[in-house]
Amino acid sequence: SGSQLEYILLTHGHFDHIAGVKAVKEL
């Protein structure tokens, strides 16, 4: 909250590192 979020930087693609990506990207 309150951040100017430019990127979601993923270290790898296992589910426990990416499950929130879709919604945060859309938000």
PDB file of all heavy atoms in Angstrom:
ATOM      1  N   SER A   1       0.822  -1.209   0.000  1.00  0.00           N
ATOM      2  CA  SER A   1       0.000   0.000   0.000  1.00  0.00           C
ATOM      3  C   SER A   1       0.856   1.258   0.000  1.00  0.00           C
ATOM      4  O   SER A   1       1.829   1.376   0.750  1.00  0.00           O
ATOM      5  CB  SER A   1      -0.910   0.003   1.226  1.00  0.00           C
ATOM      6  OG  SER A   1      -1.671   1.190   1.290  1.00  0.00           O
ATOM      7  N   GLY A   2       0.481   2.206  -0.852  1.00  0.00           N
ATOM      8  CA  GLY A   2       1.181   3.478  -0.921  1.00  0.00           C
ATOM      9  C   GLY A   2       2.433   3.471  -1.771  1.00  0.00           C
ATOM     10  O   GLY A   2       3.054   4.525  -1.971  1.00  0.00           O
ATOM     11  N   SER A   3       2.814   2.318  -2.288  1.00  0.00           N
ATOM     12  CA  SER A   3       4.033   2.250  -3.101  1.00  0.00           C
ATOM     13  C   SER A   3       3.717   2.542  -4.565  1.00  0.00           C
ATOM     14  O   SER A   3       2.611   2.297  -5.046  1.00  0.00           O
ATOM     15  CB  SER A   3       4.688   0.865  -2.986  1.00  0.00           C
ATOM     16  OG  SER A   3       3.847  -0.133  -3.529  1.00  0.00           O
ATOM     17  N   GLN A   4       4.705   3.065  -5.262  1.00  0.00           N
ATOM     18  CA  GLN A   4       4.614   3.234  -6.706  1.00  0.00           C
ATOM     19  C   GLN A   4       5.217   1.977  -7.335  1.00  0.00           C
ATOM     20  O   GLN A   4       6.373   1.956  -7.730  1.00  0.00           O
ATOM     21  CB  GLN A   4       5.388   4.472  -7.157  1.00  0.00           C
ATOM     22  CG  GLN A   4       4.907   5.780  -6.564  1.00  0.00           C
ATOM     23  CD  GLN A   4       5.770   6.943  -7.014  1.00  0.00           C
ATOM     24  OE1 GLN A   4       6.090   7.086  -8.192  1.00  0.00           O
ATOM     25  NE2 GLN A   4       6.166   7.778  -6.068  1.00  0.00           N
ATOM     26  N   LEU A   5       4.405   0.933  -7.424  1.00  0.00           N
ATOM     27  CA  LEU A   5       4.927  -0.375  -7.809  1.00  0.00           C
ATOM     28  C   LEU A   5       5.123  -0.450  -9.324  1.00  0.00           C
ATOM     29  O   LEU A   5       4.158  -0.443 -10.091  1.00  0.00           O
ATOM     30  CB  LEU A   5       3.991  -1.484  -7.335  1.00  0.00           C
ATOM     31  CG  LEU A   5       4.600  -2.876  -7.271  1.00  0.00           C
ATOM     32  CD1 LEU A   5       5.728  -2.937  -6.237  1.00  0.00           C
ATOM     33  CD2 LEU A   5       3.535  -3.921  -6.935  1.00  0.00           C
ATOM     34  N   GLU A   6       6.391  -0.550  -9.717  1.00  0.00           N
ATOM     35  CA  GLU A   6       6.750  -0.611 -11.136  1.00  0.00           C
ATOM     36  C   GLU A   6       6.887  -2.044 -11.637  1.00  0.00           C
ATOM     37  O   GLU A   6       6.536  -2.349 -12.771  1.00  0.00           O
ATOM     38  CB  GLU A   6       8.081   0.111 -11.358  1.00  0.00           C
ATOM     39  CG  GLU A   6       8.065   1.584 -11.013  1.00  0.00           C
ATOM     40  CD  GLU A   6       7.584   2.423 -12.183  1.00  0.00           C
ATOM     41  OE1 GLU A   6       8.144   2.301 -13.279  1.00  0.00           O
ATOM     42  OE2 GLU A   6       6.619   3.185 -11.982  1.00  0.00           O
ATOM     43  N   TYR A   7       7.442  -2.909 -10.791  1.00  0.00           N
ATOM     44  CA  TYR A   7       7.763  -4.270 -11.213  1.00  0.00           C
ATOM     45  C   TYR A   7       7.399  -5.285 -10.141  1.00  0.00           C
ATOM     46  O   TYR A   7       7.425  -4.988  -8.947  1.00  0.00           O
ATOM     47  CB  TYR A   7       9.273  -4.425 -11.484  1.00  0.00           C
ATOM     48  CG  TYR A   7       9.823  -3.552 -12.562  1.00  0.00           C
ATOM     49  CD1 TYR A   7      10.639  -2.459 -12.244  1.00  0.00           C
ATOM     50  CD2 TYR A   7       9.553  -3.803 -13.913  1.00  0.00           C
ATOM     51  CE1 TYR A   7      11.164  -1.655 -13.236  1.00  0.00           C
ATOM     52  CE2 TYR A   7      10.075  -2.995 -14.910  1.00  0.00           C
ATOM     53  CZ  TYR A   7      10.874  -1.926 -14.560  1.00  0.00           C
ATOM     54  OH  TYR A   7      11.400  -1.123 -15.547  1.00  0.00           O
ATOM     55  N   ILE A   8       7.102  -6.496 -10.594  1.00  0.00           N
ATOM     56  CA  ILE A   8       7.101  -7.690  -9.750  1.00  0.00           C
ATOM     57  C   ILE A   8       8.241  -8.548 -10.266  1.00  0.00           C
ATOM     58  O   ILE A   8       8.171  -9.095 -11.374  1.00  0.00           O
ATOM     59  CB  ILE A   8       5.764  -8.444  -9.817  1.00  0.00           C
ATOM     60  CG1 ILE A   8       4.611  -7.533  -9.426  1.00  0.00           C
ATOM     61  CG2 ILE A   8       5.813  -9.686  -8.928  1.00  0.00           C
ATOM     62  CD1 ILE A   8       3.231  -8.129  -9.718  1.00  0.00           C
ATOM     63  N   LEU A   9       9.312  -8.624  -9.498  1.00  0.00           N
ATOM     64  CA  LEU A   9      10.517  -9.339  -9.910  1.00  0.00           C
ATOM     65  C   LEU A   9      10.481 -10.735  -9.293  1.00  0.00           C
ATOM     66  O   LEU A   9      10.510 -10.880  -8.063  1.00  0.00           O
ATOM     67  CB  LEU A   9      11.769  -8.590  -9.437  1.00  0.00           C
ATOM     68  CG  LEU A   9      11.899  -7.134  -9.869  1.00  0.00           C
ATOM     69  CD1 LEU A   9      13.171  -6.525  -9.267  1.00  0.00           C
ATOM     70  CD2 LEU A   9      11.935  -7.023 -11.398  1.00  0.00           C
ATOM     71  N   LEU A  10      10.437 -11.757 -10.134  1.00  0.00           N
ATOM     72  CA  LEU A  10      10.316 -13.126  -9.659  1.00  0.00           C
ATOM     73  C   LEU A  10      11.660 -13.824  -9.719  1.00  0.00           C
ATOM     74  O   LEU A  10      12.344 -13.811 -10.748  1.00  0.00           O
ATOM     75  CB  LEU A  10       9.281 -13.882 -10.490  1.00  0.00           C
ATOM     76  CG  LEU A  10       7.876 -13.257 -10.445  1.00  0.00           C
ATOM     77  CD1 LEU A  10       6.943 -13.978 -11.409  1.00  0.00           C
ATOM     78  CD2 LEU A  10       7.309 -13.281  -9.034  1.00  0.00           C
ATOM     79  N   THR A  11      12.032 -14.445  -8.608  1.00  0.00           N
ATOM     80  CA  THR A  11      13.299 -15.173  -8.568  1.00  0.00           C
ATOM     81  C   THR A  11      13.192 -16.516  -9.277  1.00  0.00           C
ATOM     82  O   THR A  11      14.191 -17.035  -9.783  1.00  0.00           O
ATOM     83  CB  THR A  11      13.769 -15.400  -7.123  1.00  0.00           C
ATOM     84  OG1 THR A  11      12.763 -16.149  -6.407  1.00  0.00           O
ATOM     85  CG2 THR A  11      14.012 -14.069  -6.421  1.00  0.00           C
ATOM     86  N   HIS A  12      11.990 -17.087  -9.288  1.00  0.00           N
ATOM     87  CA  HIS A  12      11.713 -18.320 -10.032  1.00  0.00           C
ATOM     88  C   HIS A  12      10.211 -18.537 -10.034  1.00  0.00           C
ATOM     89  O   HIS A  12       9.464 -17.702  -9.510  1.00  0.00           O
ATOM     90  CB  HIS A  12      12.464 -19.524  -9.435  1.00  0.00           C
ATOM     91  CG  HIS A  12      12.080 -19.903  -8.056  1.00  0.00           C
ATOM     92  ND1 HIS A  12      12.352 -19.099  -6.955  1.00  0.00           N
ATOM     93  CD2 HIS A  12      11.423 -20.985  -7.552  1.00  0.00           C
ATOM     94  CE1 HIS A  12      11.901 -19.675  -5.859  1.00  0.00           C
ATOM     95  NE2 HIS A  12      11.330 -20.824  -6.192  1.00  0.00           N
ATOM     96  N   GLY A  13       9.773 -19.646 -10.631  1.00  0.00           N
ATOM     97  CA  GLY A  13       8.352 -19.794 -10.886  1.00  0.00           C
ATOM     98  C   GLY A  13       7.594 -20.794 -10.048  1.00  0.00           C
ATOM     99  O   GLY A  13       6.467 -21.169 -10.422  1.00  0.00           O
ATOM    100  N   HIS A  14       8.117 -21.253  -8.926  1.00  0.00           N
ATOM    101  CA  HIS A  14       7.357 -22.162  -8.081  1.00  0.00           C
ATOM    102  C   HIS A  14       6.149 -21.450  -7.467  1.00  0.00           C
ATOM    103  O   HIS A  14       6.196 -20.245  -7.201  1.00  0.00           O
ATOM    104  CB  HIS A  14       8.241 -22.746  -6.983  1.00  0.00           C
ATOM    105  CG  HIS A  14       9.137 -23.842  -7.477  1.00  0.00           C
ATOM    106  ND1 HIS A  14      10.317 -24.186  -6.856  1.00  0.00           N
ATOM    107  CD2 HIS A  14       9.016 -24.690  -8.542  1.00  0.00           C
ATOM    108  CE1 HIS A  14      10.893 -25.191  -7.518  1.00  0.00           C
ATOM    109  NE2 HIS A  14      10.131 -25.513  -8.535  1.00  0.00           N
ATOM    110  N   PHE A  15       5.089 -22.223  -7.227  1.00  0.00           N
ATOM    111  CA  PHE A  15       3.793 -21.658  -6.851  1.00  0.00           C
ATOM    112  C   PHE A  15       3.863 -20.756  -5.627  1.00  0.00           C
ATOM    113  O   PHE A  15       3.133 -19.769  -5.539  1.00  0.00           O
ATOM    114  CB  PHE A  15       2.780 -22.784  -6.604  1.00  0.00           C
ATOM    115  CG  PHE A  15       3.064 -23.627  -5.380  1.00  0.00           C
ATOM    116  CD1 PHE A  15       2.557 -23.273  -4.143  1.00  0.00           C
ATOM    117  CD2 PHE A  15       3.831 -24.767  -5.478  1.00  0.00           C
ATOM    118  CE1 PHE A  15       2.821 -24.042  -3.014  1.00  0.00           C
ATOM    119  CE2 PHE A  15       4.109 -25.544  -4.358  1.00  0.00           C
ATOM    120  CZ  PHE A  15       3.606 -25.181  -3.123  1.00  0.00           C
ATOM    121  N   ASP A  16       4.727 -21.066  -4.673  1.00  0.00           N
ATOM    122  CA  ASP A  16       4.757 -20.281  -3.439  1.00  0.00           C
ATOM    123  C   ASP A  16       5.429 -18.928  -3.622  1.00  0.00           C
ATOM    124  O   ASP A  16       5.434 -18.102  -2.704  1.00  0.00           O
ATOM    125  CB  ASP A  16       5.436 -21.061  -2.308  1.00  0.00           C
ATOM    126  CG  ASP A  16       6.828 -21.552  -2.651  1.00  0.00           C
ATOM    127  OD1 ASP A  16       7.039 -22.042  -3.782  1.00  0.00           O
ATOM    128  OD2 ASP A  16       7.734 -21.458  -1.796  1.00  0.00           O
ATOM    129  N   HIS A  17       5.959 -18.675  -4.804  1.00  0.00           N
ATOM    130  CA  HIS A  17       6.569 -17.373  -5.112  1.00  0.00           C
ATOM    131  C   HIS A  17       5.736 -16.562  -6.101  1.00  0.00           C
ATOM    132  O   HIS A  17       6.052 -15.398  -6.345  1.00  0.00           O
ATOM    133  CB  HIS A  17       7.981 -17.573  -5.663  1.00  0.00           C
ATOM    134  CG  HIS A  17       8.929 -18.140  -4.658  1.00  0.00           C
ATOM    135  ND1 HIS A  17       9.880 -17.375  -4.006  1.00  0.00           N
ATOM    136  CD2 HIS A  17       9.062 -19.391  -4.156  1.00  0.00           C
ATOM    137  CE1 HIS A  17      10.557 -18.146  -3.168  1.00  0.00           C
ATOM    138  NE2 HIS A  17      10.076 -19.372  -3.236  1.00  0.00           N
ATOM    139  N   ILE A  18       4.675 -17.179  -6.681  1.00  0.00           N
ATOM    140  CA  ILE A  18       3.956 -16.502  -7.770  1.00  0.00           C
ATOM    141  C   ILE A  18       2.447 -16.443  -7.595  1.00  0.00           C
ATOM    142  O   ILE A  18       1.763 -15.831  -8.422  1.00  0.00           O
ATOM    143  CB  ILE A  18       4.266 -17.159  -9.128  1.00  0.00           C
ATOM    144  CG1 ILE A  18       3.672 -18.578  -9.191  1.00  0.00           C
ATOM    145  CG2 ILE A  18       5.778 -17.183  -9.401  1.00  0.00           C
ATOM    146  CD1 ILE A  18       3.655 -19.177 -10.594  1.00  0.00           C
ATOM    147  N   ALA A  19       1.878 -17.042  -6.553  1.00  0.00           N
ATOM    148  CA  ALA A  19       0.423 -17.192  -6.481  1.00  0.00           C
ATOM    149  C   ALA A  19      -0.320 -15.862  -6.471  1.00  0.00           C
ATOM    150  O   ALA A  19      -1.462 -15.778  -6.924  1.00  0.00           O
ATOM    151  CB  ALA A  19       0.029 -18.028  -5.265  1.00  0.00           C
ATOM    152  N   GLY A  20       0.314 -14.806  -5.982  1.00  0.00           N
ATOM    153  CA  GLY A  20      -0.359 -13.518  -5.925  1.00  0.00           C
ATOM    154  C   GLY A  20      -0.079 -12.600  -7.098  1.00  0.00           C
ATOM    155  O   GLY A  20      -0.613 -11.483  -7.165  1.00  0.00           O
ATOM    156  N   VAL A  21       0.713 -13.074  -8.052  1.00  0.00           N
ATOM    157  CA  VAL A  21       1.184 -12.195  -9.130  1.00  0.00           C
ATOM    158  C   VAL A  21       0.033 -11.644  -9.966  1.00  0.00           C
ATOM    159  O   VAL A  21      -0.030 -10.437 -10.247  1.00  0.00           O
ATOM    160  CB  VAL A  21       2.200 -12.922 -10.024  1.00  0.00           C
ATOM    161  CG1 VAL A  21       2.488 -12.110 -11.285  1.00  0.00           C
ATOM    162  CG2 VAL A  21       3.489 -13.179  -9.265  1.00  0.00           C
ATOM    163  N   LYS A  22      -0.878 -12.509 -10.393  1.00  0.00           N
ATOM    164  CA  LYS A  22      -1.956 -12.077 -11.283  1.00  0.00           C
ATOM    165  C   LYS A  22      -2.755 -10.927 -10.666  1.00  0.00           C
ATOM    166  O   LYS A  22      -2.985  -9.892 -11.309  1.00  0.00           O
ATOM    167  CB  LYS A  22      -2.885 -13.249 -11.598  1.00  0.00           C
ATOM    168  CG  LYS A  22      -4.037 -12.904 -12.544  1.00  0.00           C
ATOM    169  CD  LYS A  22      -4.878 -14.148 -12.824  1.00  0.00           C
ATOM    170  CE  LYS A  22      -5.920 -13.876 -13.903  1.00  0.00           C
ATOM    171  NZ  LYS A  22      -6.962 -12.945 -13.433  1.00  0.00           N
ATOM    172  N   ALA A  23      -3.169 -11.087  -9.422  1.00  0.00           N
ATOM    173  CA  ALA A  23      -4.012 -10.076  -8.781  1.00  0.00           C
ATOM    174  C   ALA A  23      -3.242  -8.792  -8.491  1.00  0.00           C
ATOM    175  O   ALA A  23      -3.778  -7.692  -8.667  1.00  0.00           O
ATOM    176  CB  ALA A  23      -4.609 -10.640  -7.499  1.00  0.00           C
ATOM    177  N   VAL A  24      -1.983  -8.908  -8.052  1.00  0.00           N
ATOM    178  CA  VAL A  24      -1.198  -7.703  -7.772  1.00  0.00           C
ATOM    179  C   VAL A  24      -0.901  -6.949  -9.063  1.00  0.00           C
ATOM    180  O   VAL A  24      -0.930  -5.713  -9.100  1.00  0.00           O
ATOM    181  CB  VAL A  24       0.096  -8.061  -7.011  1.00  0.00           C
ATOM    182  CG1 VAL A  24       1.014  -6.846  -6.909  1.00  0.00           C
ATOM    183  CG2 VAL A  24      -0.238  -8.576  -5.620  1.00  0.00           C
ATOM    184  N   LYS A  25      -0.651  -7.688 -10.132  1.00  0.00           N
ATOM    185  CA  LYS A  25      -0.446  -7.047 -11.437  1.00  0.00           C
ATOM    186  C   LYS A  25      -1.703  -6.285 -11.862  1.00  0.00           C
ATOM    187  O   LYS A  25      -1.621  -5.136 -12.314  1.00  0.00           O
ATOM    188  CB  LYS A  25      -0.088  -8.100 -12.478  1.00  0.00           C
ATOM    189  CG  LYS A  25       0.074  -7.566 -13.888  1.00  0.00           C
ATOM    190  CD  LYS A  25       0.405  -8.697 -14.864  1.00  0.00           C
ATOM    191  CE  LYS A  25       0.561  -8.155 -16.286  1.00  0.00           C
ATOM    192  NZ  LYS A  25       0.936  -9.226 -17.250  1.00  0.00           N
ATOM    193  N   GLU A  26      -2.852  -6.903 -11.701  1.00  0.00           N
ATOM    194  CA  GLU A  26      -4.111  -6.253 -12.082  1.00  0.00           C
ATOM    195  C   GLU A  26      -4.404  -5.042 -11.202  1.00  0.00           C
ATOM    196  O   GLU A  26      -4.918  -4.026 -11.674  1.00  0.00           O
ATOM    197  CB  GLU A  26      -5.252  -7.256 -12.015  1.00  0.00           C
ATOM    198  CG  GLU A  26      -5.170  -8.328 -13.099  1.00  0.00           C
ATOM    199  CD  GLU A  26      -6.233  -9.405 -12.948  1.00  0.00           C
ATOM    200  OE1 GLU A  26      -6.943  -9.404 -11.913  1.00  0.00           O
ATOM    201  OE2 GLU A  26      -6.359 -10.239 -13.861  1.00  0.00           O
ATOM    202  N   LEU A  27      -4.060  -5.142  -9.928  1.00  0.00           N
ATOM    203  CA  LEU A  27      -4.313  -4.045  -8.994  1.00  0.00           C
ATOM    204  C   LEU A  27      -3.432  -2.840  -9.261  1.00  0.00           C
ATOM    205  O   LEU A  27      -3.895  -1.690  -9.194  1.00  0.00           O
ATOM    206  CB  LEU A  27      -4.087  -4.542  -7.559  1.00  0.00           C
ATOM    207  CG  LEU A  27      -4.218  -3.510  -6.444  1.00  0.00           C
ATOM    208  CD1 LEU A  27      -5.681  -3.095  -6.274  1.00  0.00           C
ATOM    209  CD2 LEU A  27      -3.666  -4.056  -5.129  1.00  0.00           C
TER     210      LEU A  27
END
